[in-house]
Amino acid sequence: MMRLLAALLLAATPLCAQDVELELVLLADASGSIDMDEIRFQREGYAEAITDPAVLAAIANTAYGKIAVTYVEWASAGEEDVVVPWTVIAGEADAAAFAAALIPPPRMAFGRNAIGSALLTGKALIEGNEIEGWRKVIDFSGDSANNWNGPSIEEARAEVLAAGITINGLPILCRFCNGRPSGADLERLYSERIIGGMGAFVVTADSEESFADAVRRKLILEISGQMPGEKVAVAD
């Protein structure tokens, strides 16, 4: 919680009173099933995606030509760590700076899955910044739909959706290093239990090779406000 409060204070000063089309929280899995190689792999995948020309073109096509993004790793309740605080990305240089800031920080989130707590952390980060976005999105990724501690997924999801925040999902079916595949129904569980809000959807990463492509595709859809043509899941 102290790390969250510190991140909110850091975000408020440089980003005061900025208008963007999209406020985007990237919530990445750092729970017990994720080893250090996978932490690095995930960060590199997001760094590659945020600097991709197609993603930058999508940002340029938004109403203000810029979006606000923060990258958070989640694990046990209270173990959510803001790796990169709120950053306004308006072009190639901003994206490159965000990507560069993403790789070096040490891992600070540990423990068993607390998805509900992670979702509420995303909500707090959106509500606690000094940015005003037309659209507010939590981009949740992980290799499990289990919730071992903290608020329930159902409770947290309802609170996030009531605040007008959309939750999209990136279920990861096959991990990079340890090779532990998740259950075949993970995509369905994300669709039924986690995502929600206007235009909510799931994009699946089913292999090491597809991870960066899945992240890139998901970012483009979120930035543009579109939905995928397949594997669409809209919650009640």
C-alpha atoms as a PDB file:
ATOM      1  CA  MET A   1       0.000   0.000   0.000  1.00  0.00           C
ATOM      2  CA  MET A   2       2.881   2.383   0.741  1.00  0.00           C
ATOM      3  CA  ARG A   3       4.253   1.771  -2.750  1.00  0.00           C
ATOM      4  CA  LEU A   4       0.823   2.577  -4.183  1.00  0.00           C
ATOM      5  CA  LEU A   5       0.586   5.845  -2.226  1.00  0.00           C
ATOM      6  CA  ALA A   6       4.080   6.804  -3.336  1.00  0.00           C
ATOM      7  CA  ALA A   7       3.182   6.127  -6.948  1.00  0.00           C
ATOM      8  CA  LEU A   8       0.084   8.291  -6.680  1.00  0.00           C
ATOM      9  CA  LEU A   9       2.188  11.151  -5.326  1.00  0.00           C
ATOM     10  CA  LEU A  10       4.784  10.715  -8.061  1.00  0.00           C
ATOM     11  CA  ALA A  11       2.095  10.737 -10.729  1.00  0.00           C
ATOM     12  CA  ALA A  12       0.423  13.914  -9.501  1.00  0.00           C
ATOM     13  CA  THR A  13       3.345  16.284  -9.925  1.00  0.00           C
ATOM     14  CA  PRO A  14       4.573  15.852 -13.534  1.00  0.00           C
ATOM     15  CA  LEU A  15       1.165  14.985 -14.995  1.00  0.00           C
ATOM     16  CA  CYS A  16      -1.005  17.660 -13.401  1.00  0.00           C
ATOM     17  CA  ALA A  17      -4.244  18.541 -15.221  1.00  0.00           C
ATOM     18  CA  GLN A  18      -3.461  16.721 -18.462  1.00  0.00           C
ATOM     19  CA  ASP A  19      -6.275  15.626 -20.789  1.00  0.00           C
ATOM     20  CA  VAL A  20      -5.928  12.389 -22.728  1.00  0.00           C
ATOM     21  CA  GLU A  21      -8.341  10.074 -24.475  1.00  0.00           C
ATOM     22  CA  LEU A  22      -7.203   7.000 -22.536  1.00  0.00           C
ATOM     23  CA  GLU A  23      -5.920   6.234 -19.048  1.00  0.00           C
ATOM     24  CA  LEU A  24      -4.466   2.709 -19.177  1.00  0.00           C
ATOM     25  CA  VAL A  25      -3.254   0.585 -16.263  1.00  0.00           C
ATOM     26  CA  LEU A  26      -1.146  -2.389 -17.376  1.00  0.00           C
ATOM     27  CA  LEU A  27      -1.498  -5.024 -14.621  1.00  0.00           C
ATOM     28  CA  ALA A  28       1.091  -7.774 -15.158  1.00  0.00           C
ATOM     29  CA  ASP A  29       1.296 -11.068 -13.262  1.00  0.00           C
ATOM     30  CA  ALA A  30       4.161 -11.360 -10.749  1.00  0.00           C
ATOM     31  CA  SER A  31       2.605 -14.061  -8.550  1.00  0.00           C
ATOM     32  CA  GLY A  32       4.269 -17.254  -7.358  1.00  0.00           C
ATOM     33  CA  SER A  33       4.034 -19.044 -10.707  1.00  0.00           C
ATOM     34  CA  ILE A  34       6.175 -16.348 -12.354  1.00  0.00           C
ATOM     35  CA  ASP A  35       9.960 -16.613 -12.108  1.00  0.00           C
ATOM     36  CA  MET A  36      12.504 -13.862 -12.713  1.00  0.00           C
ATOM     37  CA  ASP A  37      13.090 -14.820 -16.344  1.00  0.00           C
ATOM     38  CA  GLU A  38       9.371 -14.517 -16.960  1.00  0.00           C
ATOM     39  CA  ILE A  39       9.209 -11.125 -15.221  1.00  0.00           C
ATOM     40  CA  ARG A  40      11.896  -9.904 -17.597  1.00  0.00           C
ATOM     41  CA  PHE A  41      10.199 -11.561 -20.585  1.00  0.00           C
ATOM     42  CA  GLN A  42       6.879  -9.866 -19.817  1.00  0.00           C
ATOM     43  CA  ARG A  43       8.479  -6.450 -19.365  1.00  0.00           C
ATOM     44  CA  GLU A  44      10.404  -6.828 -22.617  1.00  0.00           C
ATOM     45  CA  GLY A  45       7.191  -7.820 -24.407  1.00  0.00           C
ATOM     46  CA  TYR A  46       5.403  -4.688 -23.212  1.00  0.00           C
ATOM     47  CA  ALA A  47       8.445  -2.518 -23.969  1.00  0.00           C
ATOM     48  CA  GLU A  48       8.537  -3.896 -27.514  1.00  0.00           C
ATOM     49  CA  ALA A  49       4.802  -3.398 -27.964  1.00  0.00           C
ATOM     50  CA  ILE A  50       4.573   0.183 -26.649  1.00  0.00           C
ATOM     51  CA  THR A  51       7.284   1.313 -29.077  1.00  0.00           C
ATOM     52  CA  ASP A  52       5.832  -0.507 -32.087  1.00  0.00           C
ATOM     53  CA  PRO A  53       5.012   1.827 -35.021  1.00  0.00           C
ATOM     54  CA  ALA A  54       1.435   0.529 -35.198  1.00  0.00           C
ATOM     55  CA  VAL A  55       0.888   1.315 -31.518  1.00  0.00           C
ATOM     56  CA  LEU A  56       2.400   4.787 -31.948  1.00  0.00           C
ATOM     57  CA  ALA A  57       0.125   5.374 -34.945  1.00  0.00           C
ATOM     58  CA  ALA A  58      -2.898   4.401 -32.831  1.00  0.00           C
ATOM     59  CA  ILE A  59      -1.817   6.885 -30.147  1.00  0.00           C
ATOM     60  CA  ALA A  60      -1.381   9.637 -32.756  1.00  0.00           C
ATOM     61  CA  ASN A  61      -4.928   8.994 -33.972  1.00  0.00           C
ATOM     62  CA  THR A  62      -6.535   9.574 -30.564  1.00  0.00           C
ATOM     63  CA  ALA A  63      -8.410  12.797 -29.856  1.00  0.00           C
ATOM     64  CA  TYR A  64      -5.434  14.458 -28.113  1.00  0.00           C
ATOM     65  CA  GLY A  65      -2.688  12.484 -29.820  1.00  0.00           C
ATOM     66  CA  LYS A  66      -1.540  11.096 -26.457  1.00  0.00           C
ATOM     67  CA  ILE A  67      -2.468   8.555 -23.805  1.00  0.00           C
ATOM     68  CA  ALA A  68      -1.502   7.978 -20.158  1.00  0.00           C
ATOM     69  CA  VAL A  69      -0.037   4.608 -19.117  1.00  0.00           C
ATOM     70  CA  THR A  70       1.315   2.990 -15.960  1.00  0.00           C
ATOM     71  CA  TYR A  71       2.809  -0.514 -15.551  1.00  0.00           C
ATOM     72  CA  VAL A  72       2.062  -2.447 -12.357  1.00  0.00           C
ATOM     73  CA  GLU A  73       3.072  -5.950 -11.265  1.00  0.00           C
ATOM     74  CA  TRP A  74       0.595  -7.768  -9.022  1.00  0.00           C
ATOM     75  CA  ALA A  75       0.843 -10.761  -6.687  1.00  0.00           C
ATOM     76  CA  SER A  76      -0.551 -11.096  -3.124  1.00  0.00           C
ATOM     77  CA  ALA A  77      -2.913  -8.504  -1.686  1.00  0.00           C
ATOM     78  CA  GLY A  78      -0.914  -5.372  -0.896  1.00  0.00           C
ATOM     79  CA  GLU A  79       2.017  -6.606  -2.980  1.00  0.00           C
ATOM     80  CA  GLU A  80       1.099  -4.586  -6.075  1.00  0.00           C
ATOM     81  CA  ASP A  81       4.175  -2.706  -7.292  1.00  0.00           C
ATOM     82  CA  VAL A  82       4.141   0.285  -9.639  1.00  0.00           C
ATOM     83  CA  VAL A  83       7.119  -0.423 -11.889  1.00  0.00           C
ATOM     84  CA  VAL A  84       6.620   2.649 -14.081  1.00  0.00           C
ATOM     85  CA  PRO A  85       4.362   5.457 -12.753  1.00  0.00           C
ATOM     86  CA  TRP A  86       1.859   7.356 -14.867  1.00  0.00           C
ATOM     87  CA  THR A  87       3.492   8.518 -18.079  1.00  0.00           C
ATOM     88  CA  VAL A  88       1.915  10.524 -20.880  1.00  0.00           C
ATOM     89  CA  ILE A  89       2.954   9.054 -24.227  1.00  0.00           C
ATOM     90  CA  ALA A  90       2.586  11.426 -27.164  1.00  0.00           C
ATOM     91  CA  GLY A  91       5.143  10.022 -29.573  1.00  0.00           C
ATOM     92  CA  GLU A  92       8.211   7.901 -30.186  1.00  0.00           C
ATOM     93  CA  ALA A  93      10.444   9.584 -27.593  1.00  0.00           C
ATOM     94  CA  ASP A  94       7.883   9.201 -24.788  1.00  0.00           C
ATOM     95  CA  ALA A  95       7.286   5.552 -25.693  1.00  0.00           C
ATOM     96  CA  ALA A  96      11.025   4.853 -25.768  1.00  0.00           C
ATOM     97  CA  ALA A  97      11.453   6.466 -22.339  1.00  0.00           C
ATOM     98  CA  PHE A  98       8.602   4.365 -20.929  1.00  0.00           C
ATOM     99  CA  ALA A  99      10.110   1.195 -22.407  1.00  0.00           C
ATOM    100  CA  ALA A 100      13.558   2.035 -21.022  1.00  0.00           C
ATOM    101  CA  ALA A 101      12.134   2.672 -17.547  1.00  0.00           C
ATOM    102  CA  LEU A 102      10.295  -0.653 -17.601  1.00  0.00           C
ATOM    103  CA  ILE A 103      13.286  -3.001 -17.727  1.00  0.00           C
ATOM    104  CA  PRO A 104      15.721  -2.095 -14.878  1.00  0.00           C
ATOM    105  CA  PRO A 105      13.609  -1.950 -11.659  1.00  0.00           C
ATOM    106  CA  PRO A 106      13.925  -4.959  -9.334  1.00  0.00           C
ATOM    107  CA  ARG A 107      10.971  -7.207  -8.784  1.00  0.00           C
ATOM    108  CA  MET A 108       9.000  -6.046  -5.741  1.00  0.00           C
ATOM    109  CA  ALA A 109       5.720  -8.029  -5.941  1.00  0.00           C
ATOM    110  CA  PHE A 110       5.597 -11.556  -4.525  1.00  0.00           C
ATOM    111  CA  GLY A 111       3.092 -14.119  -3.256  1.00  0.00           C
ATOM    112  CA  ARG A 112      -0.034 -15.974  -4.293  1.00  0.00           C
ATOM    113  CA  ASN A 113      -2.709 -14.598  -6.609  1.00  0.00           C
ATOM    114  CA  ALA A 114      -4.847 -11.720  -5.353  1.00  0.00           C
ATOM    115  CA  ILE A 115      -6.690 -10.691  -8.504  1.00  0.00           C
ATOM    116  CA  GLY A 116      -9.351  -8.727  -6.639  1.00  0.00           C
ATOM    117  CA  SER A 117      -6.723  -6.648  -4.862  1.00  0.00           C
ATOM    118  CA  ALA A 118      -4.909  -6.046  -8.160  1.00  0.00           C
ATOM    119  CA  LEU A 119      -8.073  -4.763  -9.826  1.00  0.00           C
ATOM    120  CA  LEU A 120      -8.773  -2.389  -6.938  1.00  0.00           C
ATOM    121  CA  THR A 121      -5.177  -1.134  -7.134  1.00  0.00           C
ATOM    122  CA  GLY A 122      -5.768  -0.324 -10.792  1.00  0.00           C
ATOM    123  CA  LYS A 123      -8.919   1.583  -9.866  1.00  0.00           C
ATOM    124  CA  ALA A 124      -7.085   3.546  -7.144  1.00  0.00           C
ATOM    125  CA  LEU A 125      -4.314   4.493  -9.558  1.00  0.00           C
ATOM    126  CA  ILE A 126      -6.827   5.803 -12.087  1.00  0.00           C
ATOM    127  CA  GLU A 127      -8.830   7.737  -9.528  1.00  0.00           C
ATOM    128  CA  GLY A 128      -5.752   9.093  -7.741  1.00  0.00           C
ATOM    129  CA  ASN A 129      -3.927  10.653 -10.659  1.00  0.00           C
ATOM    130  CA  GLU A 130      -4.308  14.186 -12.007  1.00  0.00           C
ATOM    131  CA  ILE A 131      -5.103  13.040 -15.546  1.00  0.00           C
ATOM    132  CA  GLU A 132      -8.519  13.220 -17.165  1.00  0.00           C
ATOM    133  CA  GLY A 133      -9.233  10.580 -19.771  1.00  0.00           C
ATOM    134  CA  TRP A 134     -12.389   9.981 -21.752  1.00  0.00           C
ATOM    135  CA  ARG A 135     -11.798   6.262 -21.391  1.00  0.00           C
ATOM    136  CA  LYS A 136     -10.354   4.441 -18.397  1.00  0.00           C
ATOM    137  CA  VAL A 137      -9.085   0.885 -18.849  1.00  0.00           C
ATOM    138  CA  ILE A 138      -7.399  -1.770 -16.725  1.00  0.00           C
ATOM    139  CA  ASP A 139      -5.422  -4.223 -18.878  1.00  0.00           C
ATOM    140  CA  PHE A 140      -5.144  -7.373 -16.736  1.00  0.00           C
ATOM    141  CA  SER A 141      -2.789 -10.235 -17.646  1.00  0.00           C
ATOM    142  CA  GLY A 142      -1.983 -13.514 -15.915  1.00  0.00           C
ATOM    143  CA  ASP A 143      -1.737 -17.281 -16.162  1.00  0.00           C
ATOM    144  CA  SER A 144      -4.473 -18.140 -13.659  1.00  0.00           C
ATOM    145  CA  ALA A 145      -7.942 -17.066 -12.568  1.00  0.00           C
ATOM    146  CA  ASN A 146      -7.445 -18.134  -8.929  1.00  0.00           C
ATOM    147  CA  ASN A 147      -7.826 -15.659  -6.073  1.00  0.00           C
ATOM    148  CA  TRP A 148      -6.150 -16.846  -2.867  1.00  0.00           C
ATOM    149  CA  ASN A 149      -6.306 -13.747  -0.670  1.00  0.00           C
ATOM    150  CA  GLY A 150      -7.662 -10.218  -0.477  1.00  0.00           C
ATOM    151  CA  PRO A 151     -11.039  -9.083  -1.850  1.00  0.00           C
ATOM    152  CA  SER A 152     -12.938 -11.481  -4.067  1.00  0.00           C
ATOM    153  CA  ILE A 153     -12.774 -11.043  -7.819  1.00  0.00           C
ATOM    154  CA  GLU A 154     -16.537 -10.573  -7.938  1.00  0.00           C
ATOM    155  CA  GLU A 155     -16.495  -7.815  -5.310  1.00  0.00           C
ATOM    156  CA  ALA A 156     -13.543  -5.981  -6.839  1.00  0.00           C
ATOM    157  CA  ARG A 157     -14.808  -6.315 -10.406  1.00  0.00           C
ATOM    158  CA  ALA A 158     -18.189  -4.852  -9.427  1.00  0.00           C
ATOM    159  CA  GLU A 159     -16.492  -1.884  -7.739  1.00  0.00           C
ATOM    160  CA  VAL A 160     -14.244  -1.214 -10.744  1.00  0.00           C
ATOM    161  CA  LEU A 161     -17.121  -1.400 -13.228  1.00  0.00           C
ATOM    162  CA  ALA A 162     -19.299   0.851 -11.050  1.00  0.00           C
ATOM    163  CA  ALA A 163     -16.566   3.486 -11.355  1.00  0.00           C
ATOM    164  CA  GLY A 164     -16.897   3.425 -15.145  1.00  0.00           C
ATOM    165  CA  ILE A 165     -13.605   1.594 -15.710  1.00  0.00           C
ATOM    166  CA  THR A 166     -13.333  -1.156 -18.329  1.00  0.00           C
ATOM    167  CA  ILE A 167     -11.358  -4.335 -17.592  1.00  0.00           C
ATOM    168  CA  ASN A 168      -9.772  -6.194 -20.506  1.00  0.00           C
ATOM    169  CA  GLY A 169      -7.976  -9.518 -20.181  1.00  0.00           C
ATOM    170  CA  LEU A 170      -4.802 -11.121 -21.491  1.00  0.00           C
ATOM    171  CA  PRO A 171      -4.842 -14.781 -20.365  1.00  0.00           C
ATOM    172  CA  ILE A 172      -1.433 -16.370 -20.904  1.00  0.00           C
ATOM    173  CA  LEU A 173      -1.872 -20.055 -21.701  1.00  0.00           C
ATOM    174  CA  CYS A 174       1.751 -21.141 -22.027  1.00  0.00           C
ATOM    175  CA  ARG A 175       4.569 -19.649 -20.014  1.00  0.00           C
ATOM    176  CA  PHE A 176       7.990 -18.767 -21.401  1.00  0.00           C
ATOM    177  CA  CYS A 177      10.426 -20.410 -19.028  1.00  0.00           C
ATOM    178  CA  ASN A 178       8.858 -23.017 -16.768  1.00  0.00           C
ATOM    179  CA  GLY A 179       6.522 -24.394 -19.439  1.00  0.00           C
ATOM    180  CA  ARG A 180       3.578 -24.846 -17.063  1.00  0.00           C
ATOM    181  CA  PRO A 181       0.477 -24.550 -19.217  1.00  0.00           C
ATOM    182  CA  SER A 182      -2.666 -23.155 -17.665  1.00  0.00           C
ATOM    183  CA  GLY A 183      -5.973 -24.944 -17.914  1.00  0.00           C
ATOM    184  CA  ALA A 184      -7.633 -24.982 -21.292  1.00  0.00           C
ATOM    185  CA  ASP A 185     -10.553 -23.009 -19.858  1.00  0.00           C
ATOM    186  CA  LEU A 186      -8.497 -19.984 -18.757  1.00  0.00           C
ATOM    187  CA  GLU A 187      -9.769 -17.856 -21.622  1.00  0.00           C
ATOM    188  CA  ARG A 188     -13.364 -18.716 -20.687  1.00  0.00           C
ATOM    189  CA  LEU A 189     -12.721 -17.934 -17.012  1.00  0.00           C
ATOM    190  CA  TYR A 190     -11.282 -14.534 -17.896  1.00  0.00           C
ATOM    191  CA  SER A 191     -14.317 -13.858 -20.073  1.00  0.00           C
ATOM    192  CA  GLU A 192     -16.774 -14.871 -17.382  1.00  0.00           C
ATOM    193  CA  ARG A 193     -15.095 -13.721 -14.163  1.00  0.00           C
ATOM    194  CA  ILE A 194     -12.643 -10.896 -14.818  1.00  0.00           C
ATOM    195  CA  ILE A 195     -13.341  -8.668 -17.813  1.00  0.00           C
ATOM    196  CA  GLY A 196     -16.199  -6.187 -17.933  1.00  0.00           C
ATOM    197  CA  GLY A 197     -17.328  -2.736 -18.910  1.00  0.00           C
ATOM    198  CA  MET A 198     -17.971  -1.053 -22.212  1.00  0.00           C
ATOM    199  CA  GLY A 199     -16.281  -2.910 -25.084  1.00  0.00           C
ATOM    200  CA  ALA A 200     -14.442  -5.340 -22.775  1.00  0.00           C
ATOM    201  CA  PHE A 201     -12.578  -8.156 -24.516  1.00  0.00           C
ATOM    202  CA  VAL A 202     -10.042 -10.947 -24.159  1.00  0.00           C
ATOM    203  CA  VAL A 203      -6.934 -11.421 -26.313  1.00  0.00           C
ATOM    204  CA  THR A 204      -5.027 -14.642 -25.644  1.00  0.00           C
ATOM    205  CA  ALA A 205      -1.268 -15.258 -25.626  1.00  0.00           C
ATOM    206  CA  ASP A 206      -0.905 -18.995 -26.245  1.00  0.00           C
ATOM    207  CA  SER A 207       2.864 -19.318 -26.674  1.00  0.00           C
ATOM    208  CA  GLU A 208       6.188 -17.577 -26.131  1.00  0.00           C
ATOM    209  CA  GLU A 209       6.214 -16.460 -29.757  1.00  0.00           C
ATOM    210  CA  SER A 210       2.723 -14.965 -29.616  1.00  0.00           C
ATOM    211  CA  PHE A 211       3.141 -12.955 -26.404  1.00  0.00           C
ATOM    212  CA  ALA A 212       4.511  -9.696 -27.832  1.00  0.00           C
ATOM    213  CA  ASP A 213       2.098  -9.892 -30.763  1.00  0.00           C
ATOM    214  CA  ALA A 214      -0.839 -10.399 -28.391  1.00  0.00           C
ATOM    215  CA  VAL A 215       0.249  -7.426 -26.260  1.00  0.00           C
ATOM    216  CA  ARG A 216       0.677  -5.268 -29.362  1.00  0.00           C
ATOM    217  CA  ARG A 217      -2.735  -6.239 -30.726  1.00  0.00           C
ATOM    218  CA  LYS A 218      -4.381  -5.606 -27.378  1.00  0.00           C
ATOM    219  CA  LEU A 219      -2.777  -2.183 -26.990  1.00  0.00           C
ATOM    220  CA  ILE A 220      -3.883  -1.122 -30.461  1.00  0.00           C
ATOM    221  CA  LEU A 221      -7.452  -2.180 -29.730  1.00  0.00           C
ATOM    222  CA  GLU A 222      -7.485  -0.415 -26.361  1.00  0.00           C
ATOM    223  CA  ILE A 223      -5.941   2.777 -27.686  1.00  0.00           C
ATOM    224  CA  SER A 224      -8.268   2.928 -30.684  1.00  0.00           C
ATOM    225  CA  GLY A 225     -11.343   1.995 -28.664  1.00  0.00           C
ATOM    226  CA  GLN A 226     -12.130  -0.935 -30.950  1.00  0.00           C
ATOM    227  CA  MET A 227     -12.931  -4.565 -30.246  1.00  0.00           C
ATOM    228  CA  PRO A 228     -11.283  -7.600 -31.836  1.00  0.00           C
ATOM    229  CA  GLY A 229     -13.050  -9.398 -34.637  1.00  0.00           C
ATOM    230  CA  GLU A 230     -12.721 -12.722 -32.841  1.00  0.00           C
ATOM    231  CA  LYS A 231     -12.477 -14.049 -29.286  1.00  0.00           C
ATOM    232  CA  VAL A 232     -14.680 -11.192 -28.140  1.00  0.00           C
ATOM    233  CA  ALA A 233     -16.025 -11.426 -24.622  1.00  0.00           C
ATOM    234  CA  VAL A 234     -18.402  -8.773 -23.319  1.00  0.00           C
ATOM    235  CA  ALA A 235     -19.387  -9.034 -19.685  1.00  0.00           C
ATOM    236  CA  ASP A 236     -22.836  -8.386 -18.271  1.00  0.00           C
END
